[in-house]
N, C-alpha and C. Protein backbone atom coordinates (compact mmCIF):
# COMPACT_ATOMS: atom_id res chain seq x y z
N UNK A 1 144.29 8.94 78.64
CA UNK A 1 143.14 9.55 79.24
C UNK A 1 142.35 10.27 78.15
N UNK A 2 141.07 9.96 78.05
CA UNK A 2 140.21 10.53 77.04
C UNK A 2 139.52 11.77 77.59
N UNK A 3 139.55 12.83 76.81
CA UNK A 3 138.88 14.04 77.23
C UNK A 3 137.49 14.08 76.60
N UNK A 4 136.50 14.34 77.40
CA UNK A 4 135.13 14.39 76.93
C UNK A 4 134.78 15.80 76.48
N UNK A 5 134.13 15.88 75.32
CA UNK A 5 133.70 17.17 74.81
C UNK A 5 132.25 17.39 75.24
N UNK A 6 131.96 18.54 75.77
CA UNK A 6 130.60 18.85 76.17
C UNK A 6 129.81 19.38 74.97
N UNK A 7 128.50 19.44 75.12
CA UNK A 7 127.65 20.00 74.07
C UNK A 7 128.02 21.46 73.80
N UNK A 8 128.35 22.17 74.85
CA UNK A 8 128.74 23.58 74.70
C UNK A 8 130.04 23.70 73.91
N UNK A 9 131.00 22.79 74.17
CA UNK A 9 132.27 22.79 73.43
C UNK A 9 132.01 22.52 71.95
N UNK A 10 131.19 21.54 71.68
CA UNK A 10 130.87 21.17 70.30
C UNK A 10 130.18 22.33 69.60
N UNK A 11 129.22 22.97 70.28
CA UNK A 11 128.52 24.10 69.69
C UNK A 11 129.49 25.22 69.35
N UNK A 12 130.42 25.48 70.24
CA UNK A 12 131.42 26.53 70.00
C UNK A 12 132.26 26.20 68.77
N UNK A 13 132.60 24.93 68.60
CA UNK A 13 133.37 24.51 67.43
C UNK A 13 132.56 24.66 66.14
N UNK A 14 131.29 24.30 66.21
CA UNK A 14 130.42 24.40 65.04
C UNK A 14 130.26 25.86 64.62
N UNK A 15 130.17 26.75 65.59
CA UNK A 15 130.05 28.18 65.28
C UNK A 15 131.26 28.71 64.53
N UNK A 16 132.42 28.10 64.75
CA UNK A 16 133.66 28.55 64.10
C UNK A 16 133.77 28.03 62.67
N UNK A 17 132.94 27.05 62.30
CA UNK A 17 133.01 26.47 60.95
C UNK A 17 132.44 27.42 59.91
N UNK A 18 132.94 27.27 58.71
CA UNK A 18 132.35 28.03 57.60
C UNK A 18 130.98 27.43 57.30
N UNK A 19 130.16 28.18 56.58
CA UNK A 19 128.81 27.70 56.25
C UNK A 19 128.88 26.39 55.48
N UNK A 20 129.81 26.27 54.59
CA UNK A 20 129.96 25.05 53.78
C UNK A 20 130.29 23.85 54.67
N UNK A 21 131.18 24.03 55.63
CA UNK A 21 131.55 22.96 56.55
C UNK A 21 130.40 22.59 57.48
N UNK A 22 129.61 23.59 57.92
CA UNK A 22 128.45 23.31 58.78
C UNK A 22 127.43 22.45 58.03
N UNK A 23 127.18 22.79 56.77
CA UNK A 23 126.24 22.00 55.96
C UNK A 23 126.74 20.56 55.84
N UNK A 24 128.00 20.42 55.57
CA UNK A 24 128.60 19.08 55.46
C UNK A 24 128.49 18.33 56.78
N UNK A 25 128.78 19.01 57.88
CA UNK A 25 128.74 18.41 59.22
C UNK A 25 127.33 17.90 59.54
N UNK A 26 126.32 18.75 59.36
CA UNK A 26 124.95 18.35 59.70
C UNK A 26 124.41 17.31 58.72
N UNK A 27 124.87 17.34 57.50
CA UNK A 27 124.47 16.29 56.54
C UNK A 27 125.01 14.94 56.99
N UNK A 28 126.26 14.91 57.44
CA UNK A 28 126.85 13.67 57.94
C UNK A 28 126.09 13.15 59.16
N UNK A 29 125.71 14.06 60.04
CA UNK A 29 124.95 13.65 61.22
C UNK A 29 123.62 13.05 60.79
N UNK A 30 122.91 13.73 59.92
CA UNK A 30 121.59 13.25 59.48
C UNK A 30 121.69 11.90 58.78
N UNK A 31 122.65 11.75 57.91
CA UNK A 31 122.81 10.49 57.17
C UNK A 31 123.13 9.34 58.11
N UNK A 32 124.05 9.57 59.03
CA UNK A 32 124.49 8.50 59.91
C UNK A 32 123.55 8.24 61.09
N UNK A 33 122.84 9.24 61.52
CA UNK A 33 121.96 9.06 62.67
C UNK A 33 120.77 8.18 62.34
N UNK A 34 120.33 8.19 61.10
CA UNK A 34 119.10 7.48 60.75
C UNK A 34 119.30 6.37 59.72
N UNK A 35 120.52 6.04 59.37
CA UNK A 35 120.72 5.07 58.29
C UNK A 35 120.24 3.67 58.63
N UNK A 36 120.32 3.24 59.88
CA UNK A 36 119.87 1.90 60.25
C UNK A 36 118.46 1.89 60.83
N UNK A 37 117.91 3.06 61.01
CA UNK A 37 116.59 3.14 61.64
C UNK A 37 115.49 3.09 60.57
N UNK A 38 114.45 2.39 60.90
CA UNK A 38 113.28 2.32 60.03
C UNK A 38 112.08 2.71 60.88
N UNK A 39 111.94 4.01 61.08
CA UNK A 39 110.89 4.51 61.96
C UNK A 39 109.55 4.55 61.24
N UNK A 40 108.50 4.18 61.94
CA UNK A 40 107.16 4.27 61.38
C UNK A 40 106.67 5.72 61.55
N UNK A 41 105.65 6.05 60.80
CA UNK A 41 105.06 7.38 60.91
C UNK A 41 104.59 7.62 62.34
N UNK A 42 104.00 6.59 62.95
CA UNK A 42 103.50 6.72 64.31
C UNK A 42 104.62 6.96 65.31
N UNK A 43 105.78 6.32 65.11
CA UNK A 43 106.90 6.53 66.03
C UNK A 43 107.42 7.97 65.95
N UNK A 44 107.39 8.54 64.77
CA UNK A 44 107.92 9.89 64.60
C UNK A 44 106.89 10.95 64.98
N UNK A 45 105.64 10.76 64.56
CA UNK A 45 104.63 11.80 64.73
C UNK A 45 103.49 11.41 65.66
N UNK A 46 103.55 10.24 66.27
CA UNK A 46 102.47 9.76 67.11
C UNK A 46 102.10 10.69 68.25
N UNK A 47 103.09 11.38 68.79
CA UNK A 47 102.82 12.29 69.91
C UNK A 47 101.95 13.49 69.49
N UNK A 48 101.82 13.72 68.18
CA UNK A 48 101.01 14.84 67.70
C UNK A 48 99.57 14.44 67.40
N UNK A 49 99.24 13.16 67.59
CA UNK A 49 97.91 12.65 67.24
C UNK A 49 96.80 13.48 67.87
N UNK A 50 96.94 13.83 69.12
CA UNK A 50 95.90 14.58 69.82
C UNK A 50 96.31 16.03 70.09
N UNK A 51 97.31 16.48 69.40
CA UNK A 51 97.81 17.83 69.62
C UNK A 51 96.88 18.86 68.98
N UNK A 52 96.93 20.06 69.51
CA UNK A 52 96.24 21.18 68.88
C UNK A 52 97.27 22.16 68.37
N UNK A 53 96.89 22.87 67.32
CA UNK A 53 97.80 23.80 66.66
C UNK A 53 97.19 25.20 66.69
N UNK A 54 98.04 26.19 66.86
CA UNK A 54 97.60 27.58 66.78
C UNK A 54 97.26 27.88 65.32
N UNK A 55 96.63 29.02 65.09
CA UNK A 55 96.30 29.41 63.72
C UNK A 55 97.55 29.50 62.86
N UNK A 56 98.61 30.08 63.40
CA UNK A 56 99.85 30.20 62.65
C UNK A 56 100.43 28.83 62.30
N UNK A 57 100.44 27.92 63.27
CA UNK A 57 100.95 26.57 63.04
C UNK A 57 100.07 25.82 62.04
N UNK A 58 98.75 26.01 62.16
CA UNK A 58 97.82 25.35 61.24
C UNK A 58 98.05 25.83 59.82
N UNK A 59 98.22 27.13 59.64
CA UNK A 59 98.47 27.68 58.31
C UNK A 59 99.77 27.13 57.73
N UNK A 60 100.79 27.05 58.57
CA UNK A 60 102.07 26.51 58.11
C UNK A 60 101.92 25.05 57.71
N UNK A 61 101.20 24.26 58.50
CA UNK A 61 100.98 22.86 58.19
C UNK A 61 100.24 22.70 56.87
N UNK A 62 99.23 23.53 56.66
CA UNK A 62 98.43 23.45 55.44
C UNK A 62 99.11 24.10 54.24
N UNK A 63 100.22 24.80 54.50
CA UNK A 63 100.98 25.50 53.47
C UNK A 63 100.13 26.57 52.80
N UNK A 64 99.44 27.32 53.65
CA UNK A 64 98.63 28.45 53.19
C UNK A 64 98.95 29.64 54.07
N UNK A 65 98.51 30.81 53.64
CA UNK A 65 98.74 32.01 54.44
C UNK A 65 97.73 32.07 55.59
N UNK A 66 98.05 32.87 56.57
CA UNK A 66 97.14 33.05 57.71
C UNK A 66 95.81 33.66 57.26
N UNK A 67 95.80 34.66 56.37
CA UNK A 67 94.51 35.17 55.89
C UNK A 67 93.68 34.09 55.18
N UNK A 68 94.32 33.21 54.44
CA UNK A 68 93.60 32.12 53.78
C UNK A 68 93.01 31.18 54.82
N UNK A 69 93.77 30.87 55.87
CA UNK A 69 93.24 30.04 56.95
C UNK A 69 92.01 30.69 57.57
N UNK A 70 92.07 31.99 57.80
CA UNK A 70 90.93 32.71 58.38
C UNK A 70 89.71 32.61 57.44
N UNK A 71 89.94 32.69 56.12
CA UNK A 71 88.83 32.55 55.17
C UNK A 71 88.24 31.14 55.23
N UNK A 72 89.09 30.13 55.38
CA UNK A 72 88.61 28.75 55.51
C UNK A 72 87.71 28.61 56.74
N UNK A 73 88.10 29.25 57.84
CA UNK A 73 87.30 29.18 59.06
C UNK A 73 85.97 29.89 58.84
N UNK A 74 86.00 31.08 58.24
CA UNK A 74 84.77 31.84 57.99
C UNK A 74 83.83 31.08 57.06
N UNK A 75 84.40 30.35 56.09
CA UNK A 75 83.59 29.61 55.12
C UNK A 75 83.12 28.26 55.68
N UNK A 76 83.64 27.88 56.84
CA UNK A 76 83.23 26.61 57.45
C UNK A 76 84.01 25.40 56.97
N UNK A 77 85.08 25.61 56.21
CA UNK A 77 85.91 24.50 55.76
C UNK A 77 86.73 23.91 56.91
N UNK A 78 86.97 24.71 57.93
CA UNK A 78 87.77 24.29 59.08
C UNK A 78 87.17 24.95 60.32
N UNK A 79 87.00 24.16 61.36
CA UNK A 79 86.45 24.69 62.61
C UNK A 79 87.48 24.54 63.72
N UNK A 80 87.67 25.59 64.50
CA UNK A 80 88.59 25.46 65.64
C UNK A 80 88.01 24.50 66.67
N UNK A 81 88.88 23.73 67.30
CA UNK A 81 88.43 22.82 68.35
C UNK A 81 88.22 23.55 69.66
N UNK A 82 88.92 24.67 69.82
CA UNK A 82 88.70 25.51 70.99
C UNK A 82 89.16 26.93 70.69
N UNK A 83 88.60 27.84 71.45
CA UNK A 83 88.97 29.25 71.33
C UNK A 83 89.33 29.73 72.72
N UNK A 84 90.52 30.27 72.84
CA UNK A 84 91.00 30.79 74.12
C UNK A 84 91.28 32.27 73.90
N UNK A 85 90.42 33.10 74.44
CA UNK A 85 90.54 34.54 74.17
C UNK A 85 90.30 34.79 72.70
N UNK A 86 91.27 35.36 72.05
CA UNK A 86 91.18 35.59 70.60
C UNK A 86 91.91 34.52 69.80
N UNK A 87 92.48 33.55 70.50
CA UNK A 87 93.27 32.52 69.84
C UNK A 87 92.42 31.30 69.53
N UNK A 88 92.52 30.84 68.30
CA UNK A 88 91.82 29.64 67.87
C UNK A 88 92.82 28.49 67.83
N UNK A 89 92.39 27.31 68.30
CA UNK A 89 93.22 26.11 68.25
C UNK A 89 92.54 25.09 67.35
N UNK A 90 93.34 24.36 66.56
CA UNK A 90 92.83 23.42 65.59
C UNK A 90 93.41 22.04 65.87
N UNK A 91 92.58 21.01 65.72
CA UNK A 91 93.05 19.64 65.99
C UNK A 91 93.89 19.14 64.83
N UNK A 92 94.88 18.33 65.15
CA UNK A 92 95.74 17.77 64.11
C UNK A 92 94.93 16.87 63.18
N UNK A 93 93.93 16.16 63.70
CA UNK A 93 93.10 15.28 62.86
C UNK A 93 92.33 16.10 61.83
N UNK A 94 91.74 17.22 62.25
CA UNK A 94 91.01 18.07 61.31
C UNK A 94 91.94 18.66 60.25
N UNK A 95 93.13 19.04 60.68
CA UNK A 95 94.10 19.60 59.73
C UNK A 95 94.55 18.56 58.71
N UNK A 96 94.77 17.33 59.17
CA UNK A 96 95.16 16.26 58.23
C UNK A 96 94.07 16.01 57.21
N UNK A 97 92.82 15.95 57.67
CA UNK A 97 91.70 15.73 56.75
C UNK A 97 91.59 16.84 55.72
N UNK A 98 91.70 18.07 56.16
CA UNK A 98 91.62 19.20 55.23
C UNK A 98 92.78 19.16 54.24
N UNK A 99 93.96 18.84 54.71
CA UNK A 99 95.12 18.78 53.81
C UNK A 99 94.93 17.69 52.76
N UNK A 100 94.37 16.56 53.16
CA UNK A 100 94.09 15.50 52.18
C UNK A 100 93.10 15.98 51.14
N UNK A 101 92.05 16.68 51.57
CA UNK A 101 91.07 17.22 50.63
C UNK A 101 91.71 18.23 49.69
N UNK A 102 92.56 19.08 50.25
CA UNK A 102 93.23 20.10 49.44
C UNK A 102 94.14 19.46 48.39
N UNK A 103 94.80 18.36 48.75
CA UNK A 103 95.70 17.69 47.82
C UNK A 103 94.95 17.02 46.69
N UNK A 104 93.68 16.67 46.91
CA UNK A 104 92.86 16.03 45.88
C UNK A 104 92.27 17.05 44.92
N UNK A 105 92.19 18.31 45.35
CA UNK A 105 91.58 19.36 44.51
C UNK A 105 92.46 19.74 43.36
């Protein structure tokens, strides 16, 4: 008779591991989970094509600080697609274009 381990049981076991063993464990999962898969960019990130990002998420994506993002908006380098209250939302397409421009500079 085979006993099934639940996700909660596995999580409890992982918590008991040393940091070194956890790193090894998750590395093995990552290596084996994707070794036969050849995912396209669209398969992995396609759901974000029409997504909007908060200012914090946009800054993280662009690898800049939030104050720098605010300066880009003030200078007209980036325009929010919508503003809800005090929150600005940015399209993923606009962020990709700006990041490409930034990488060329």
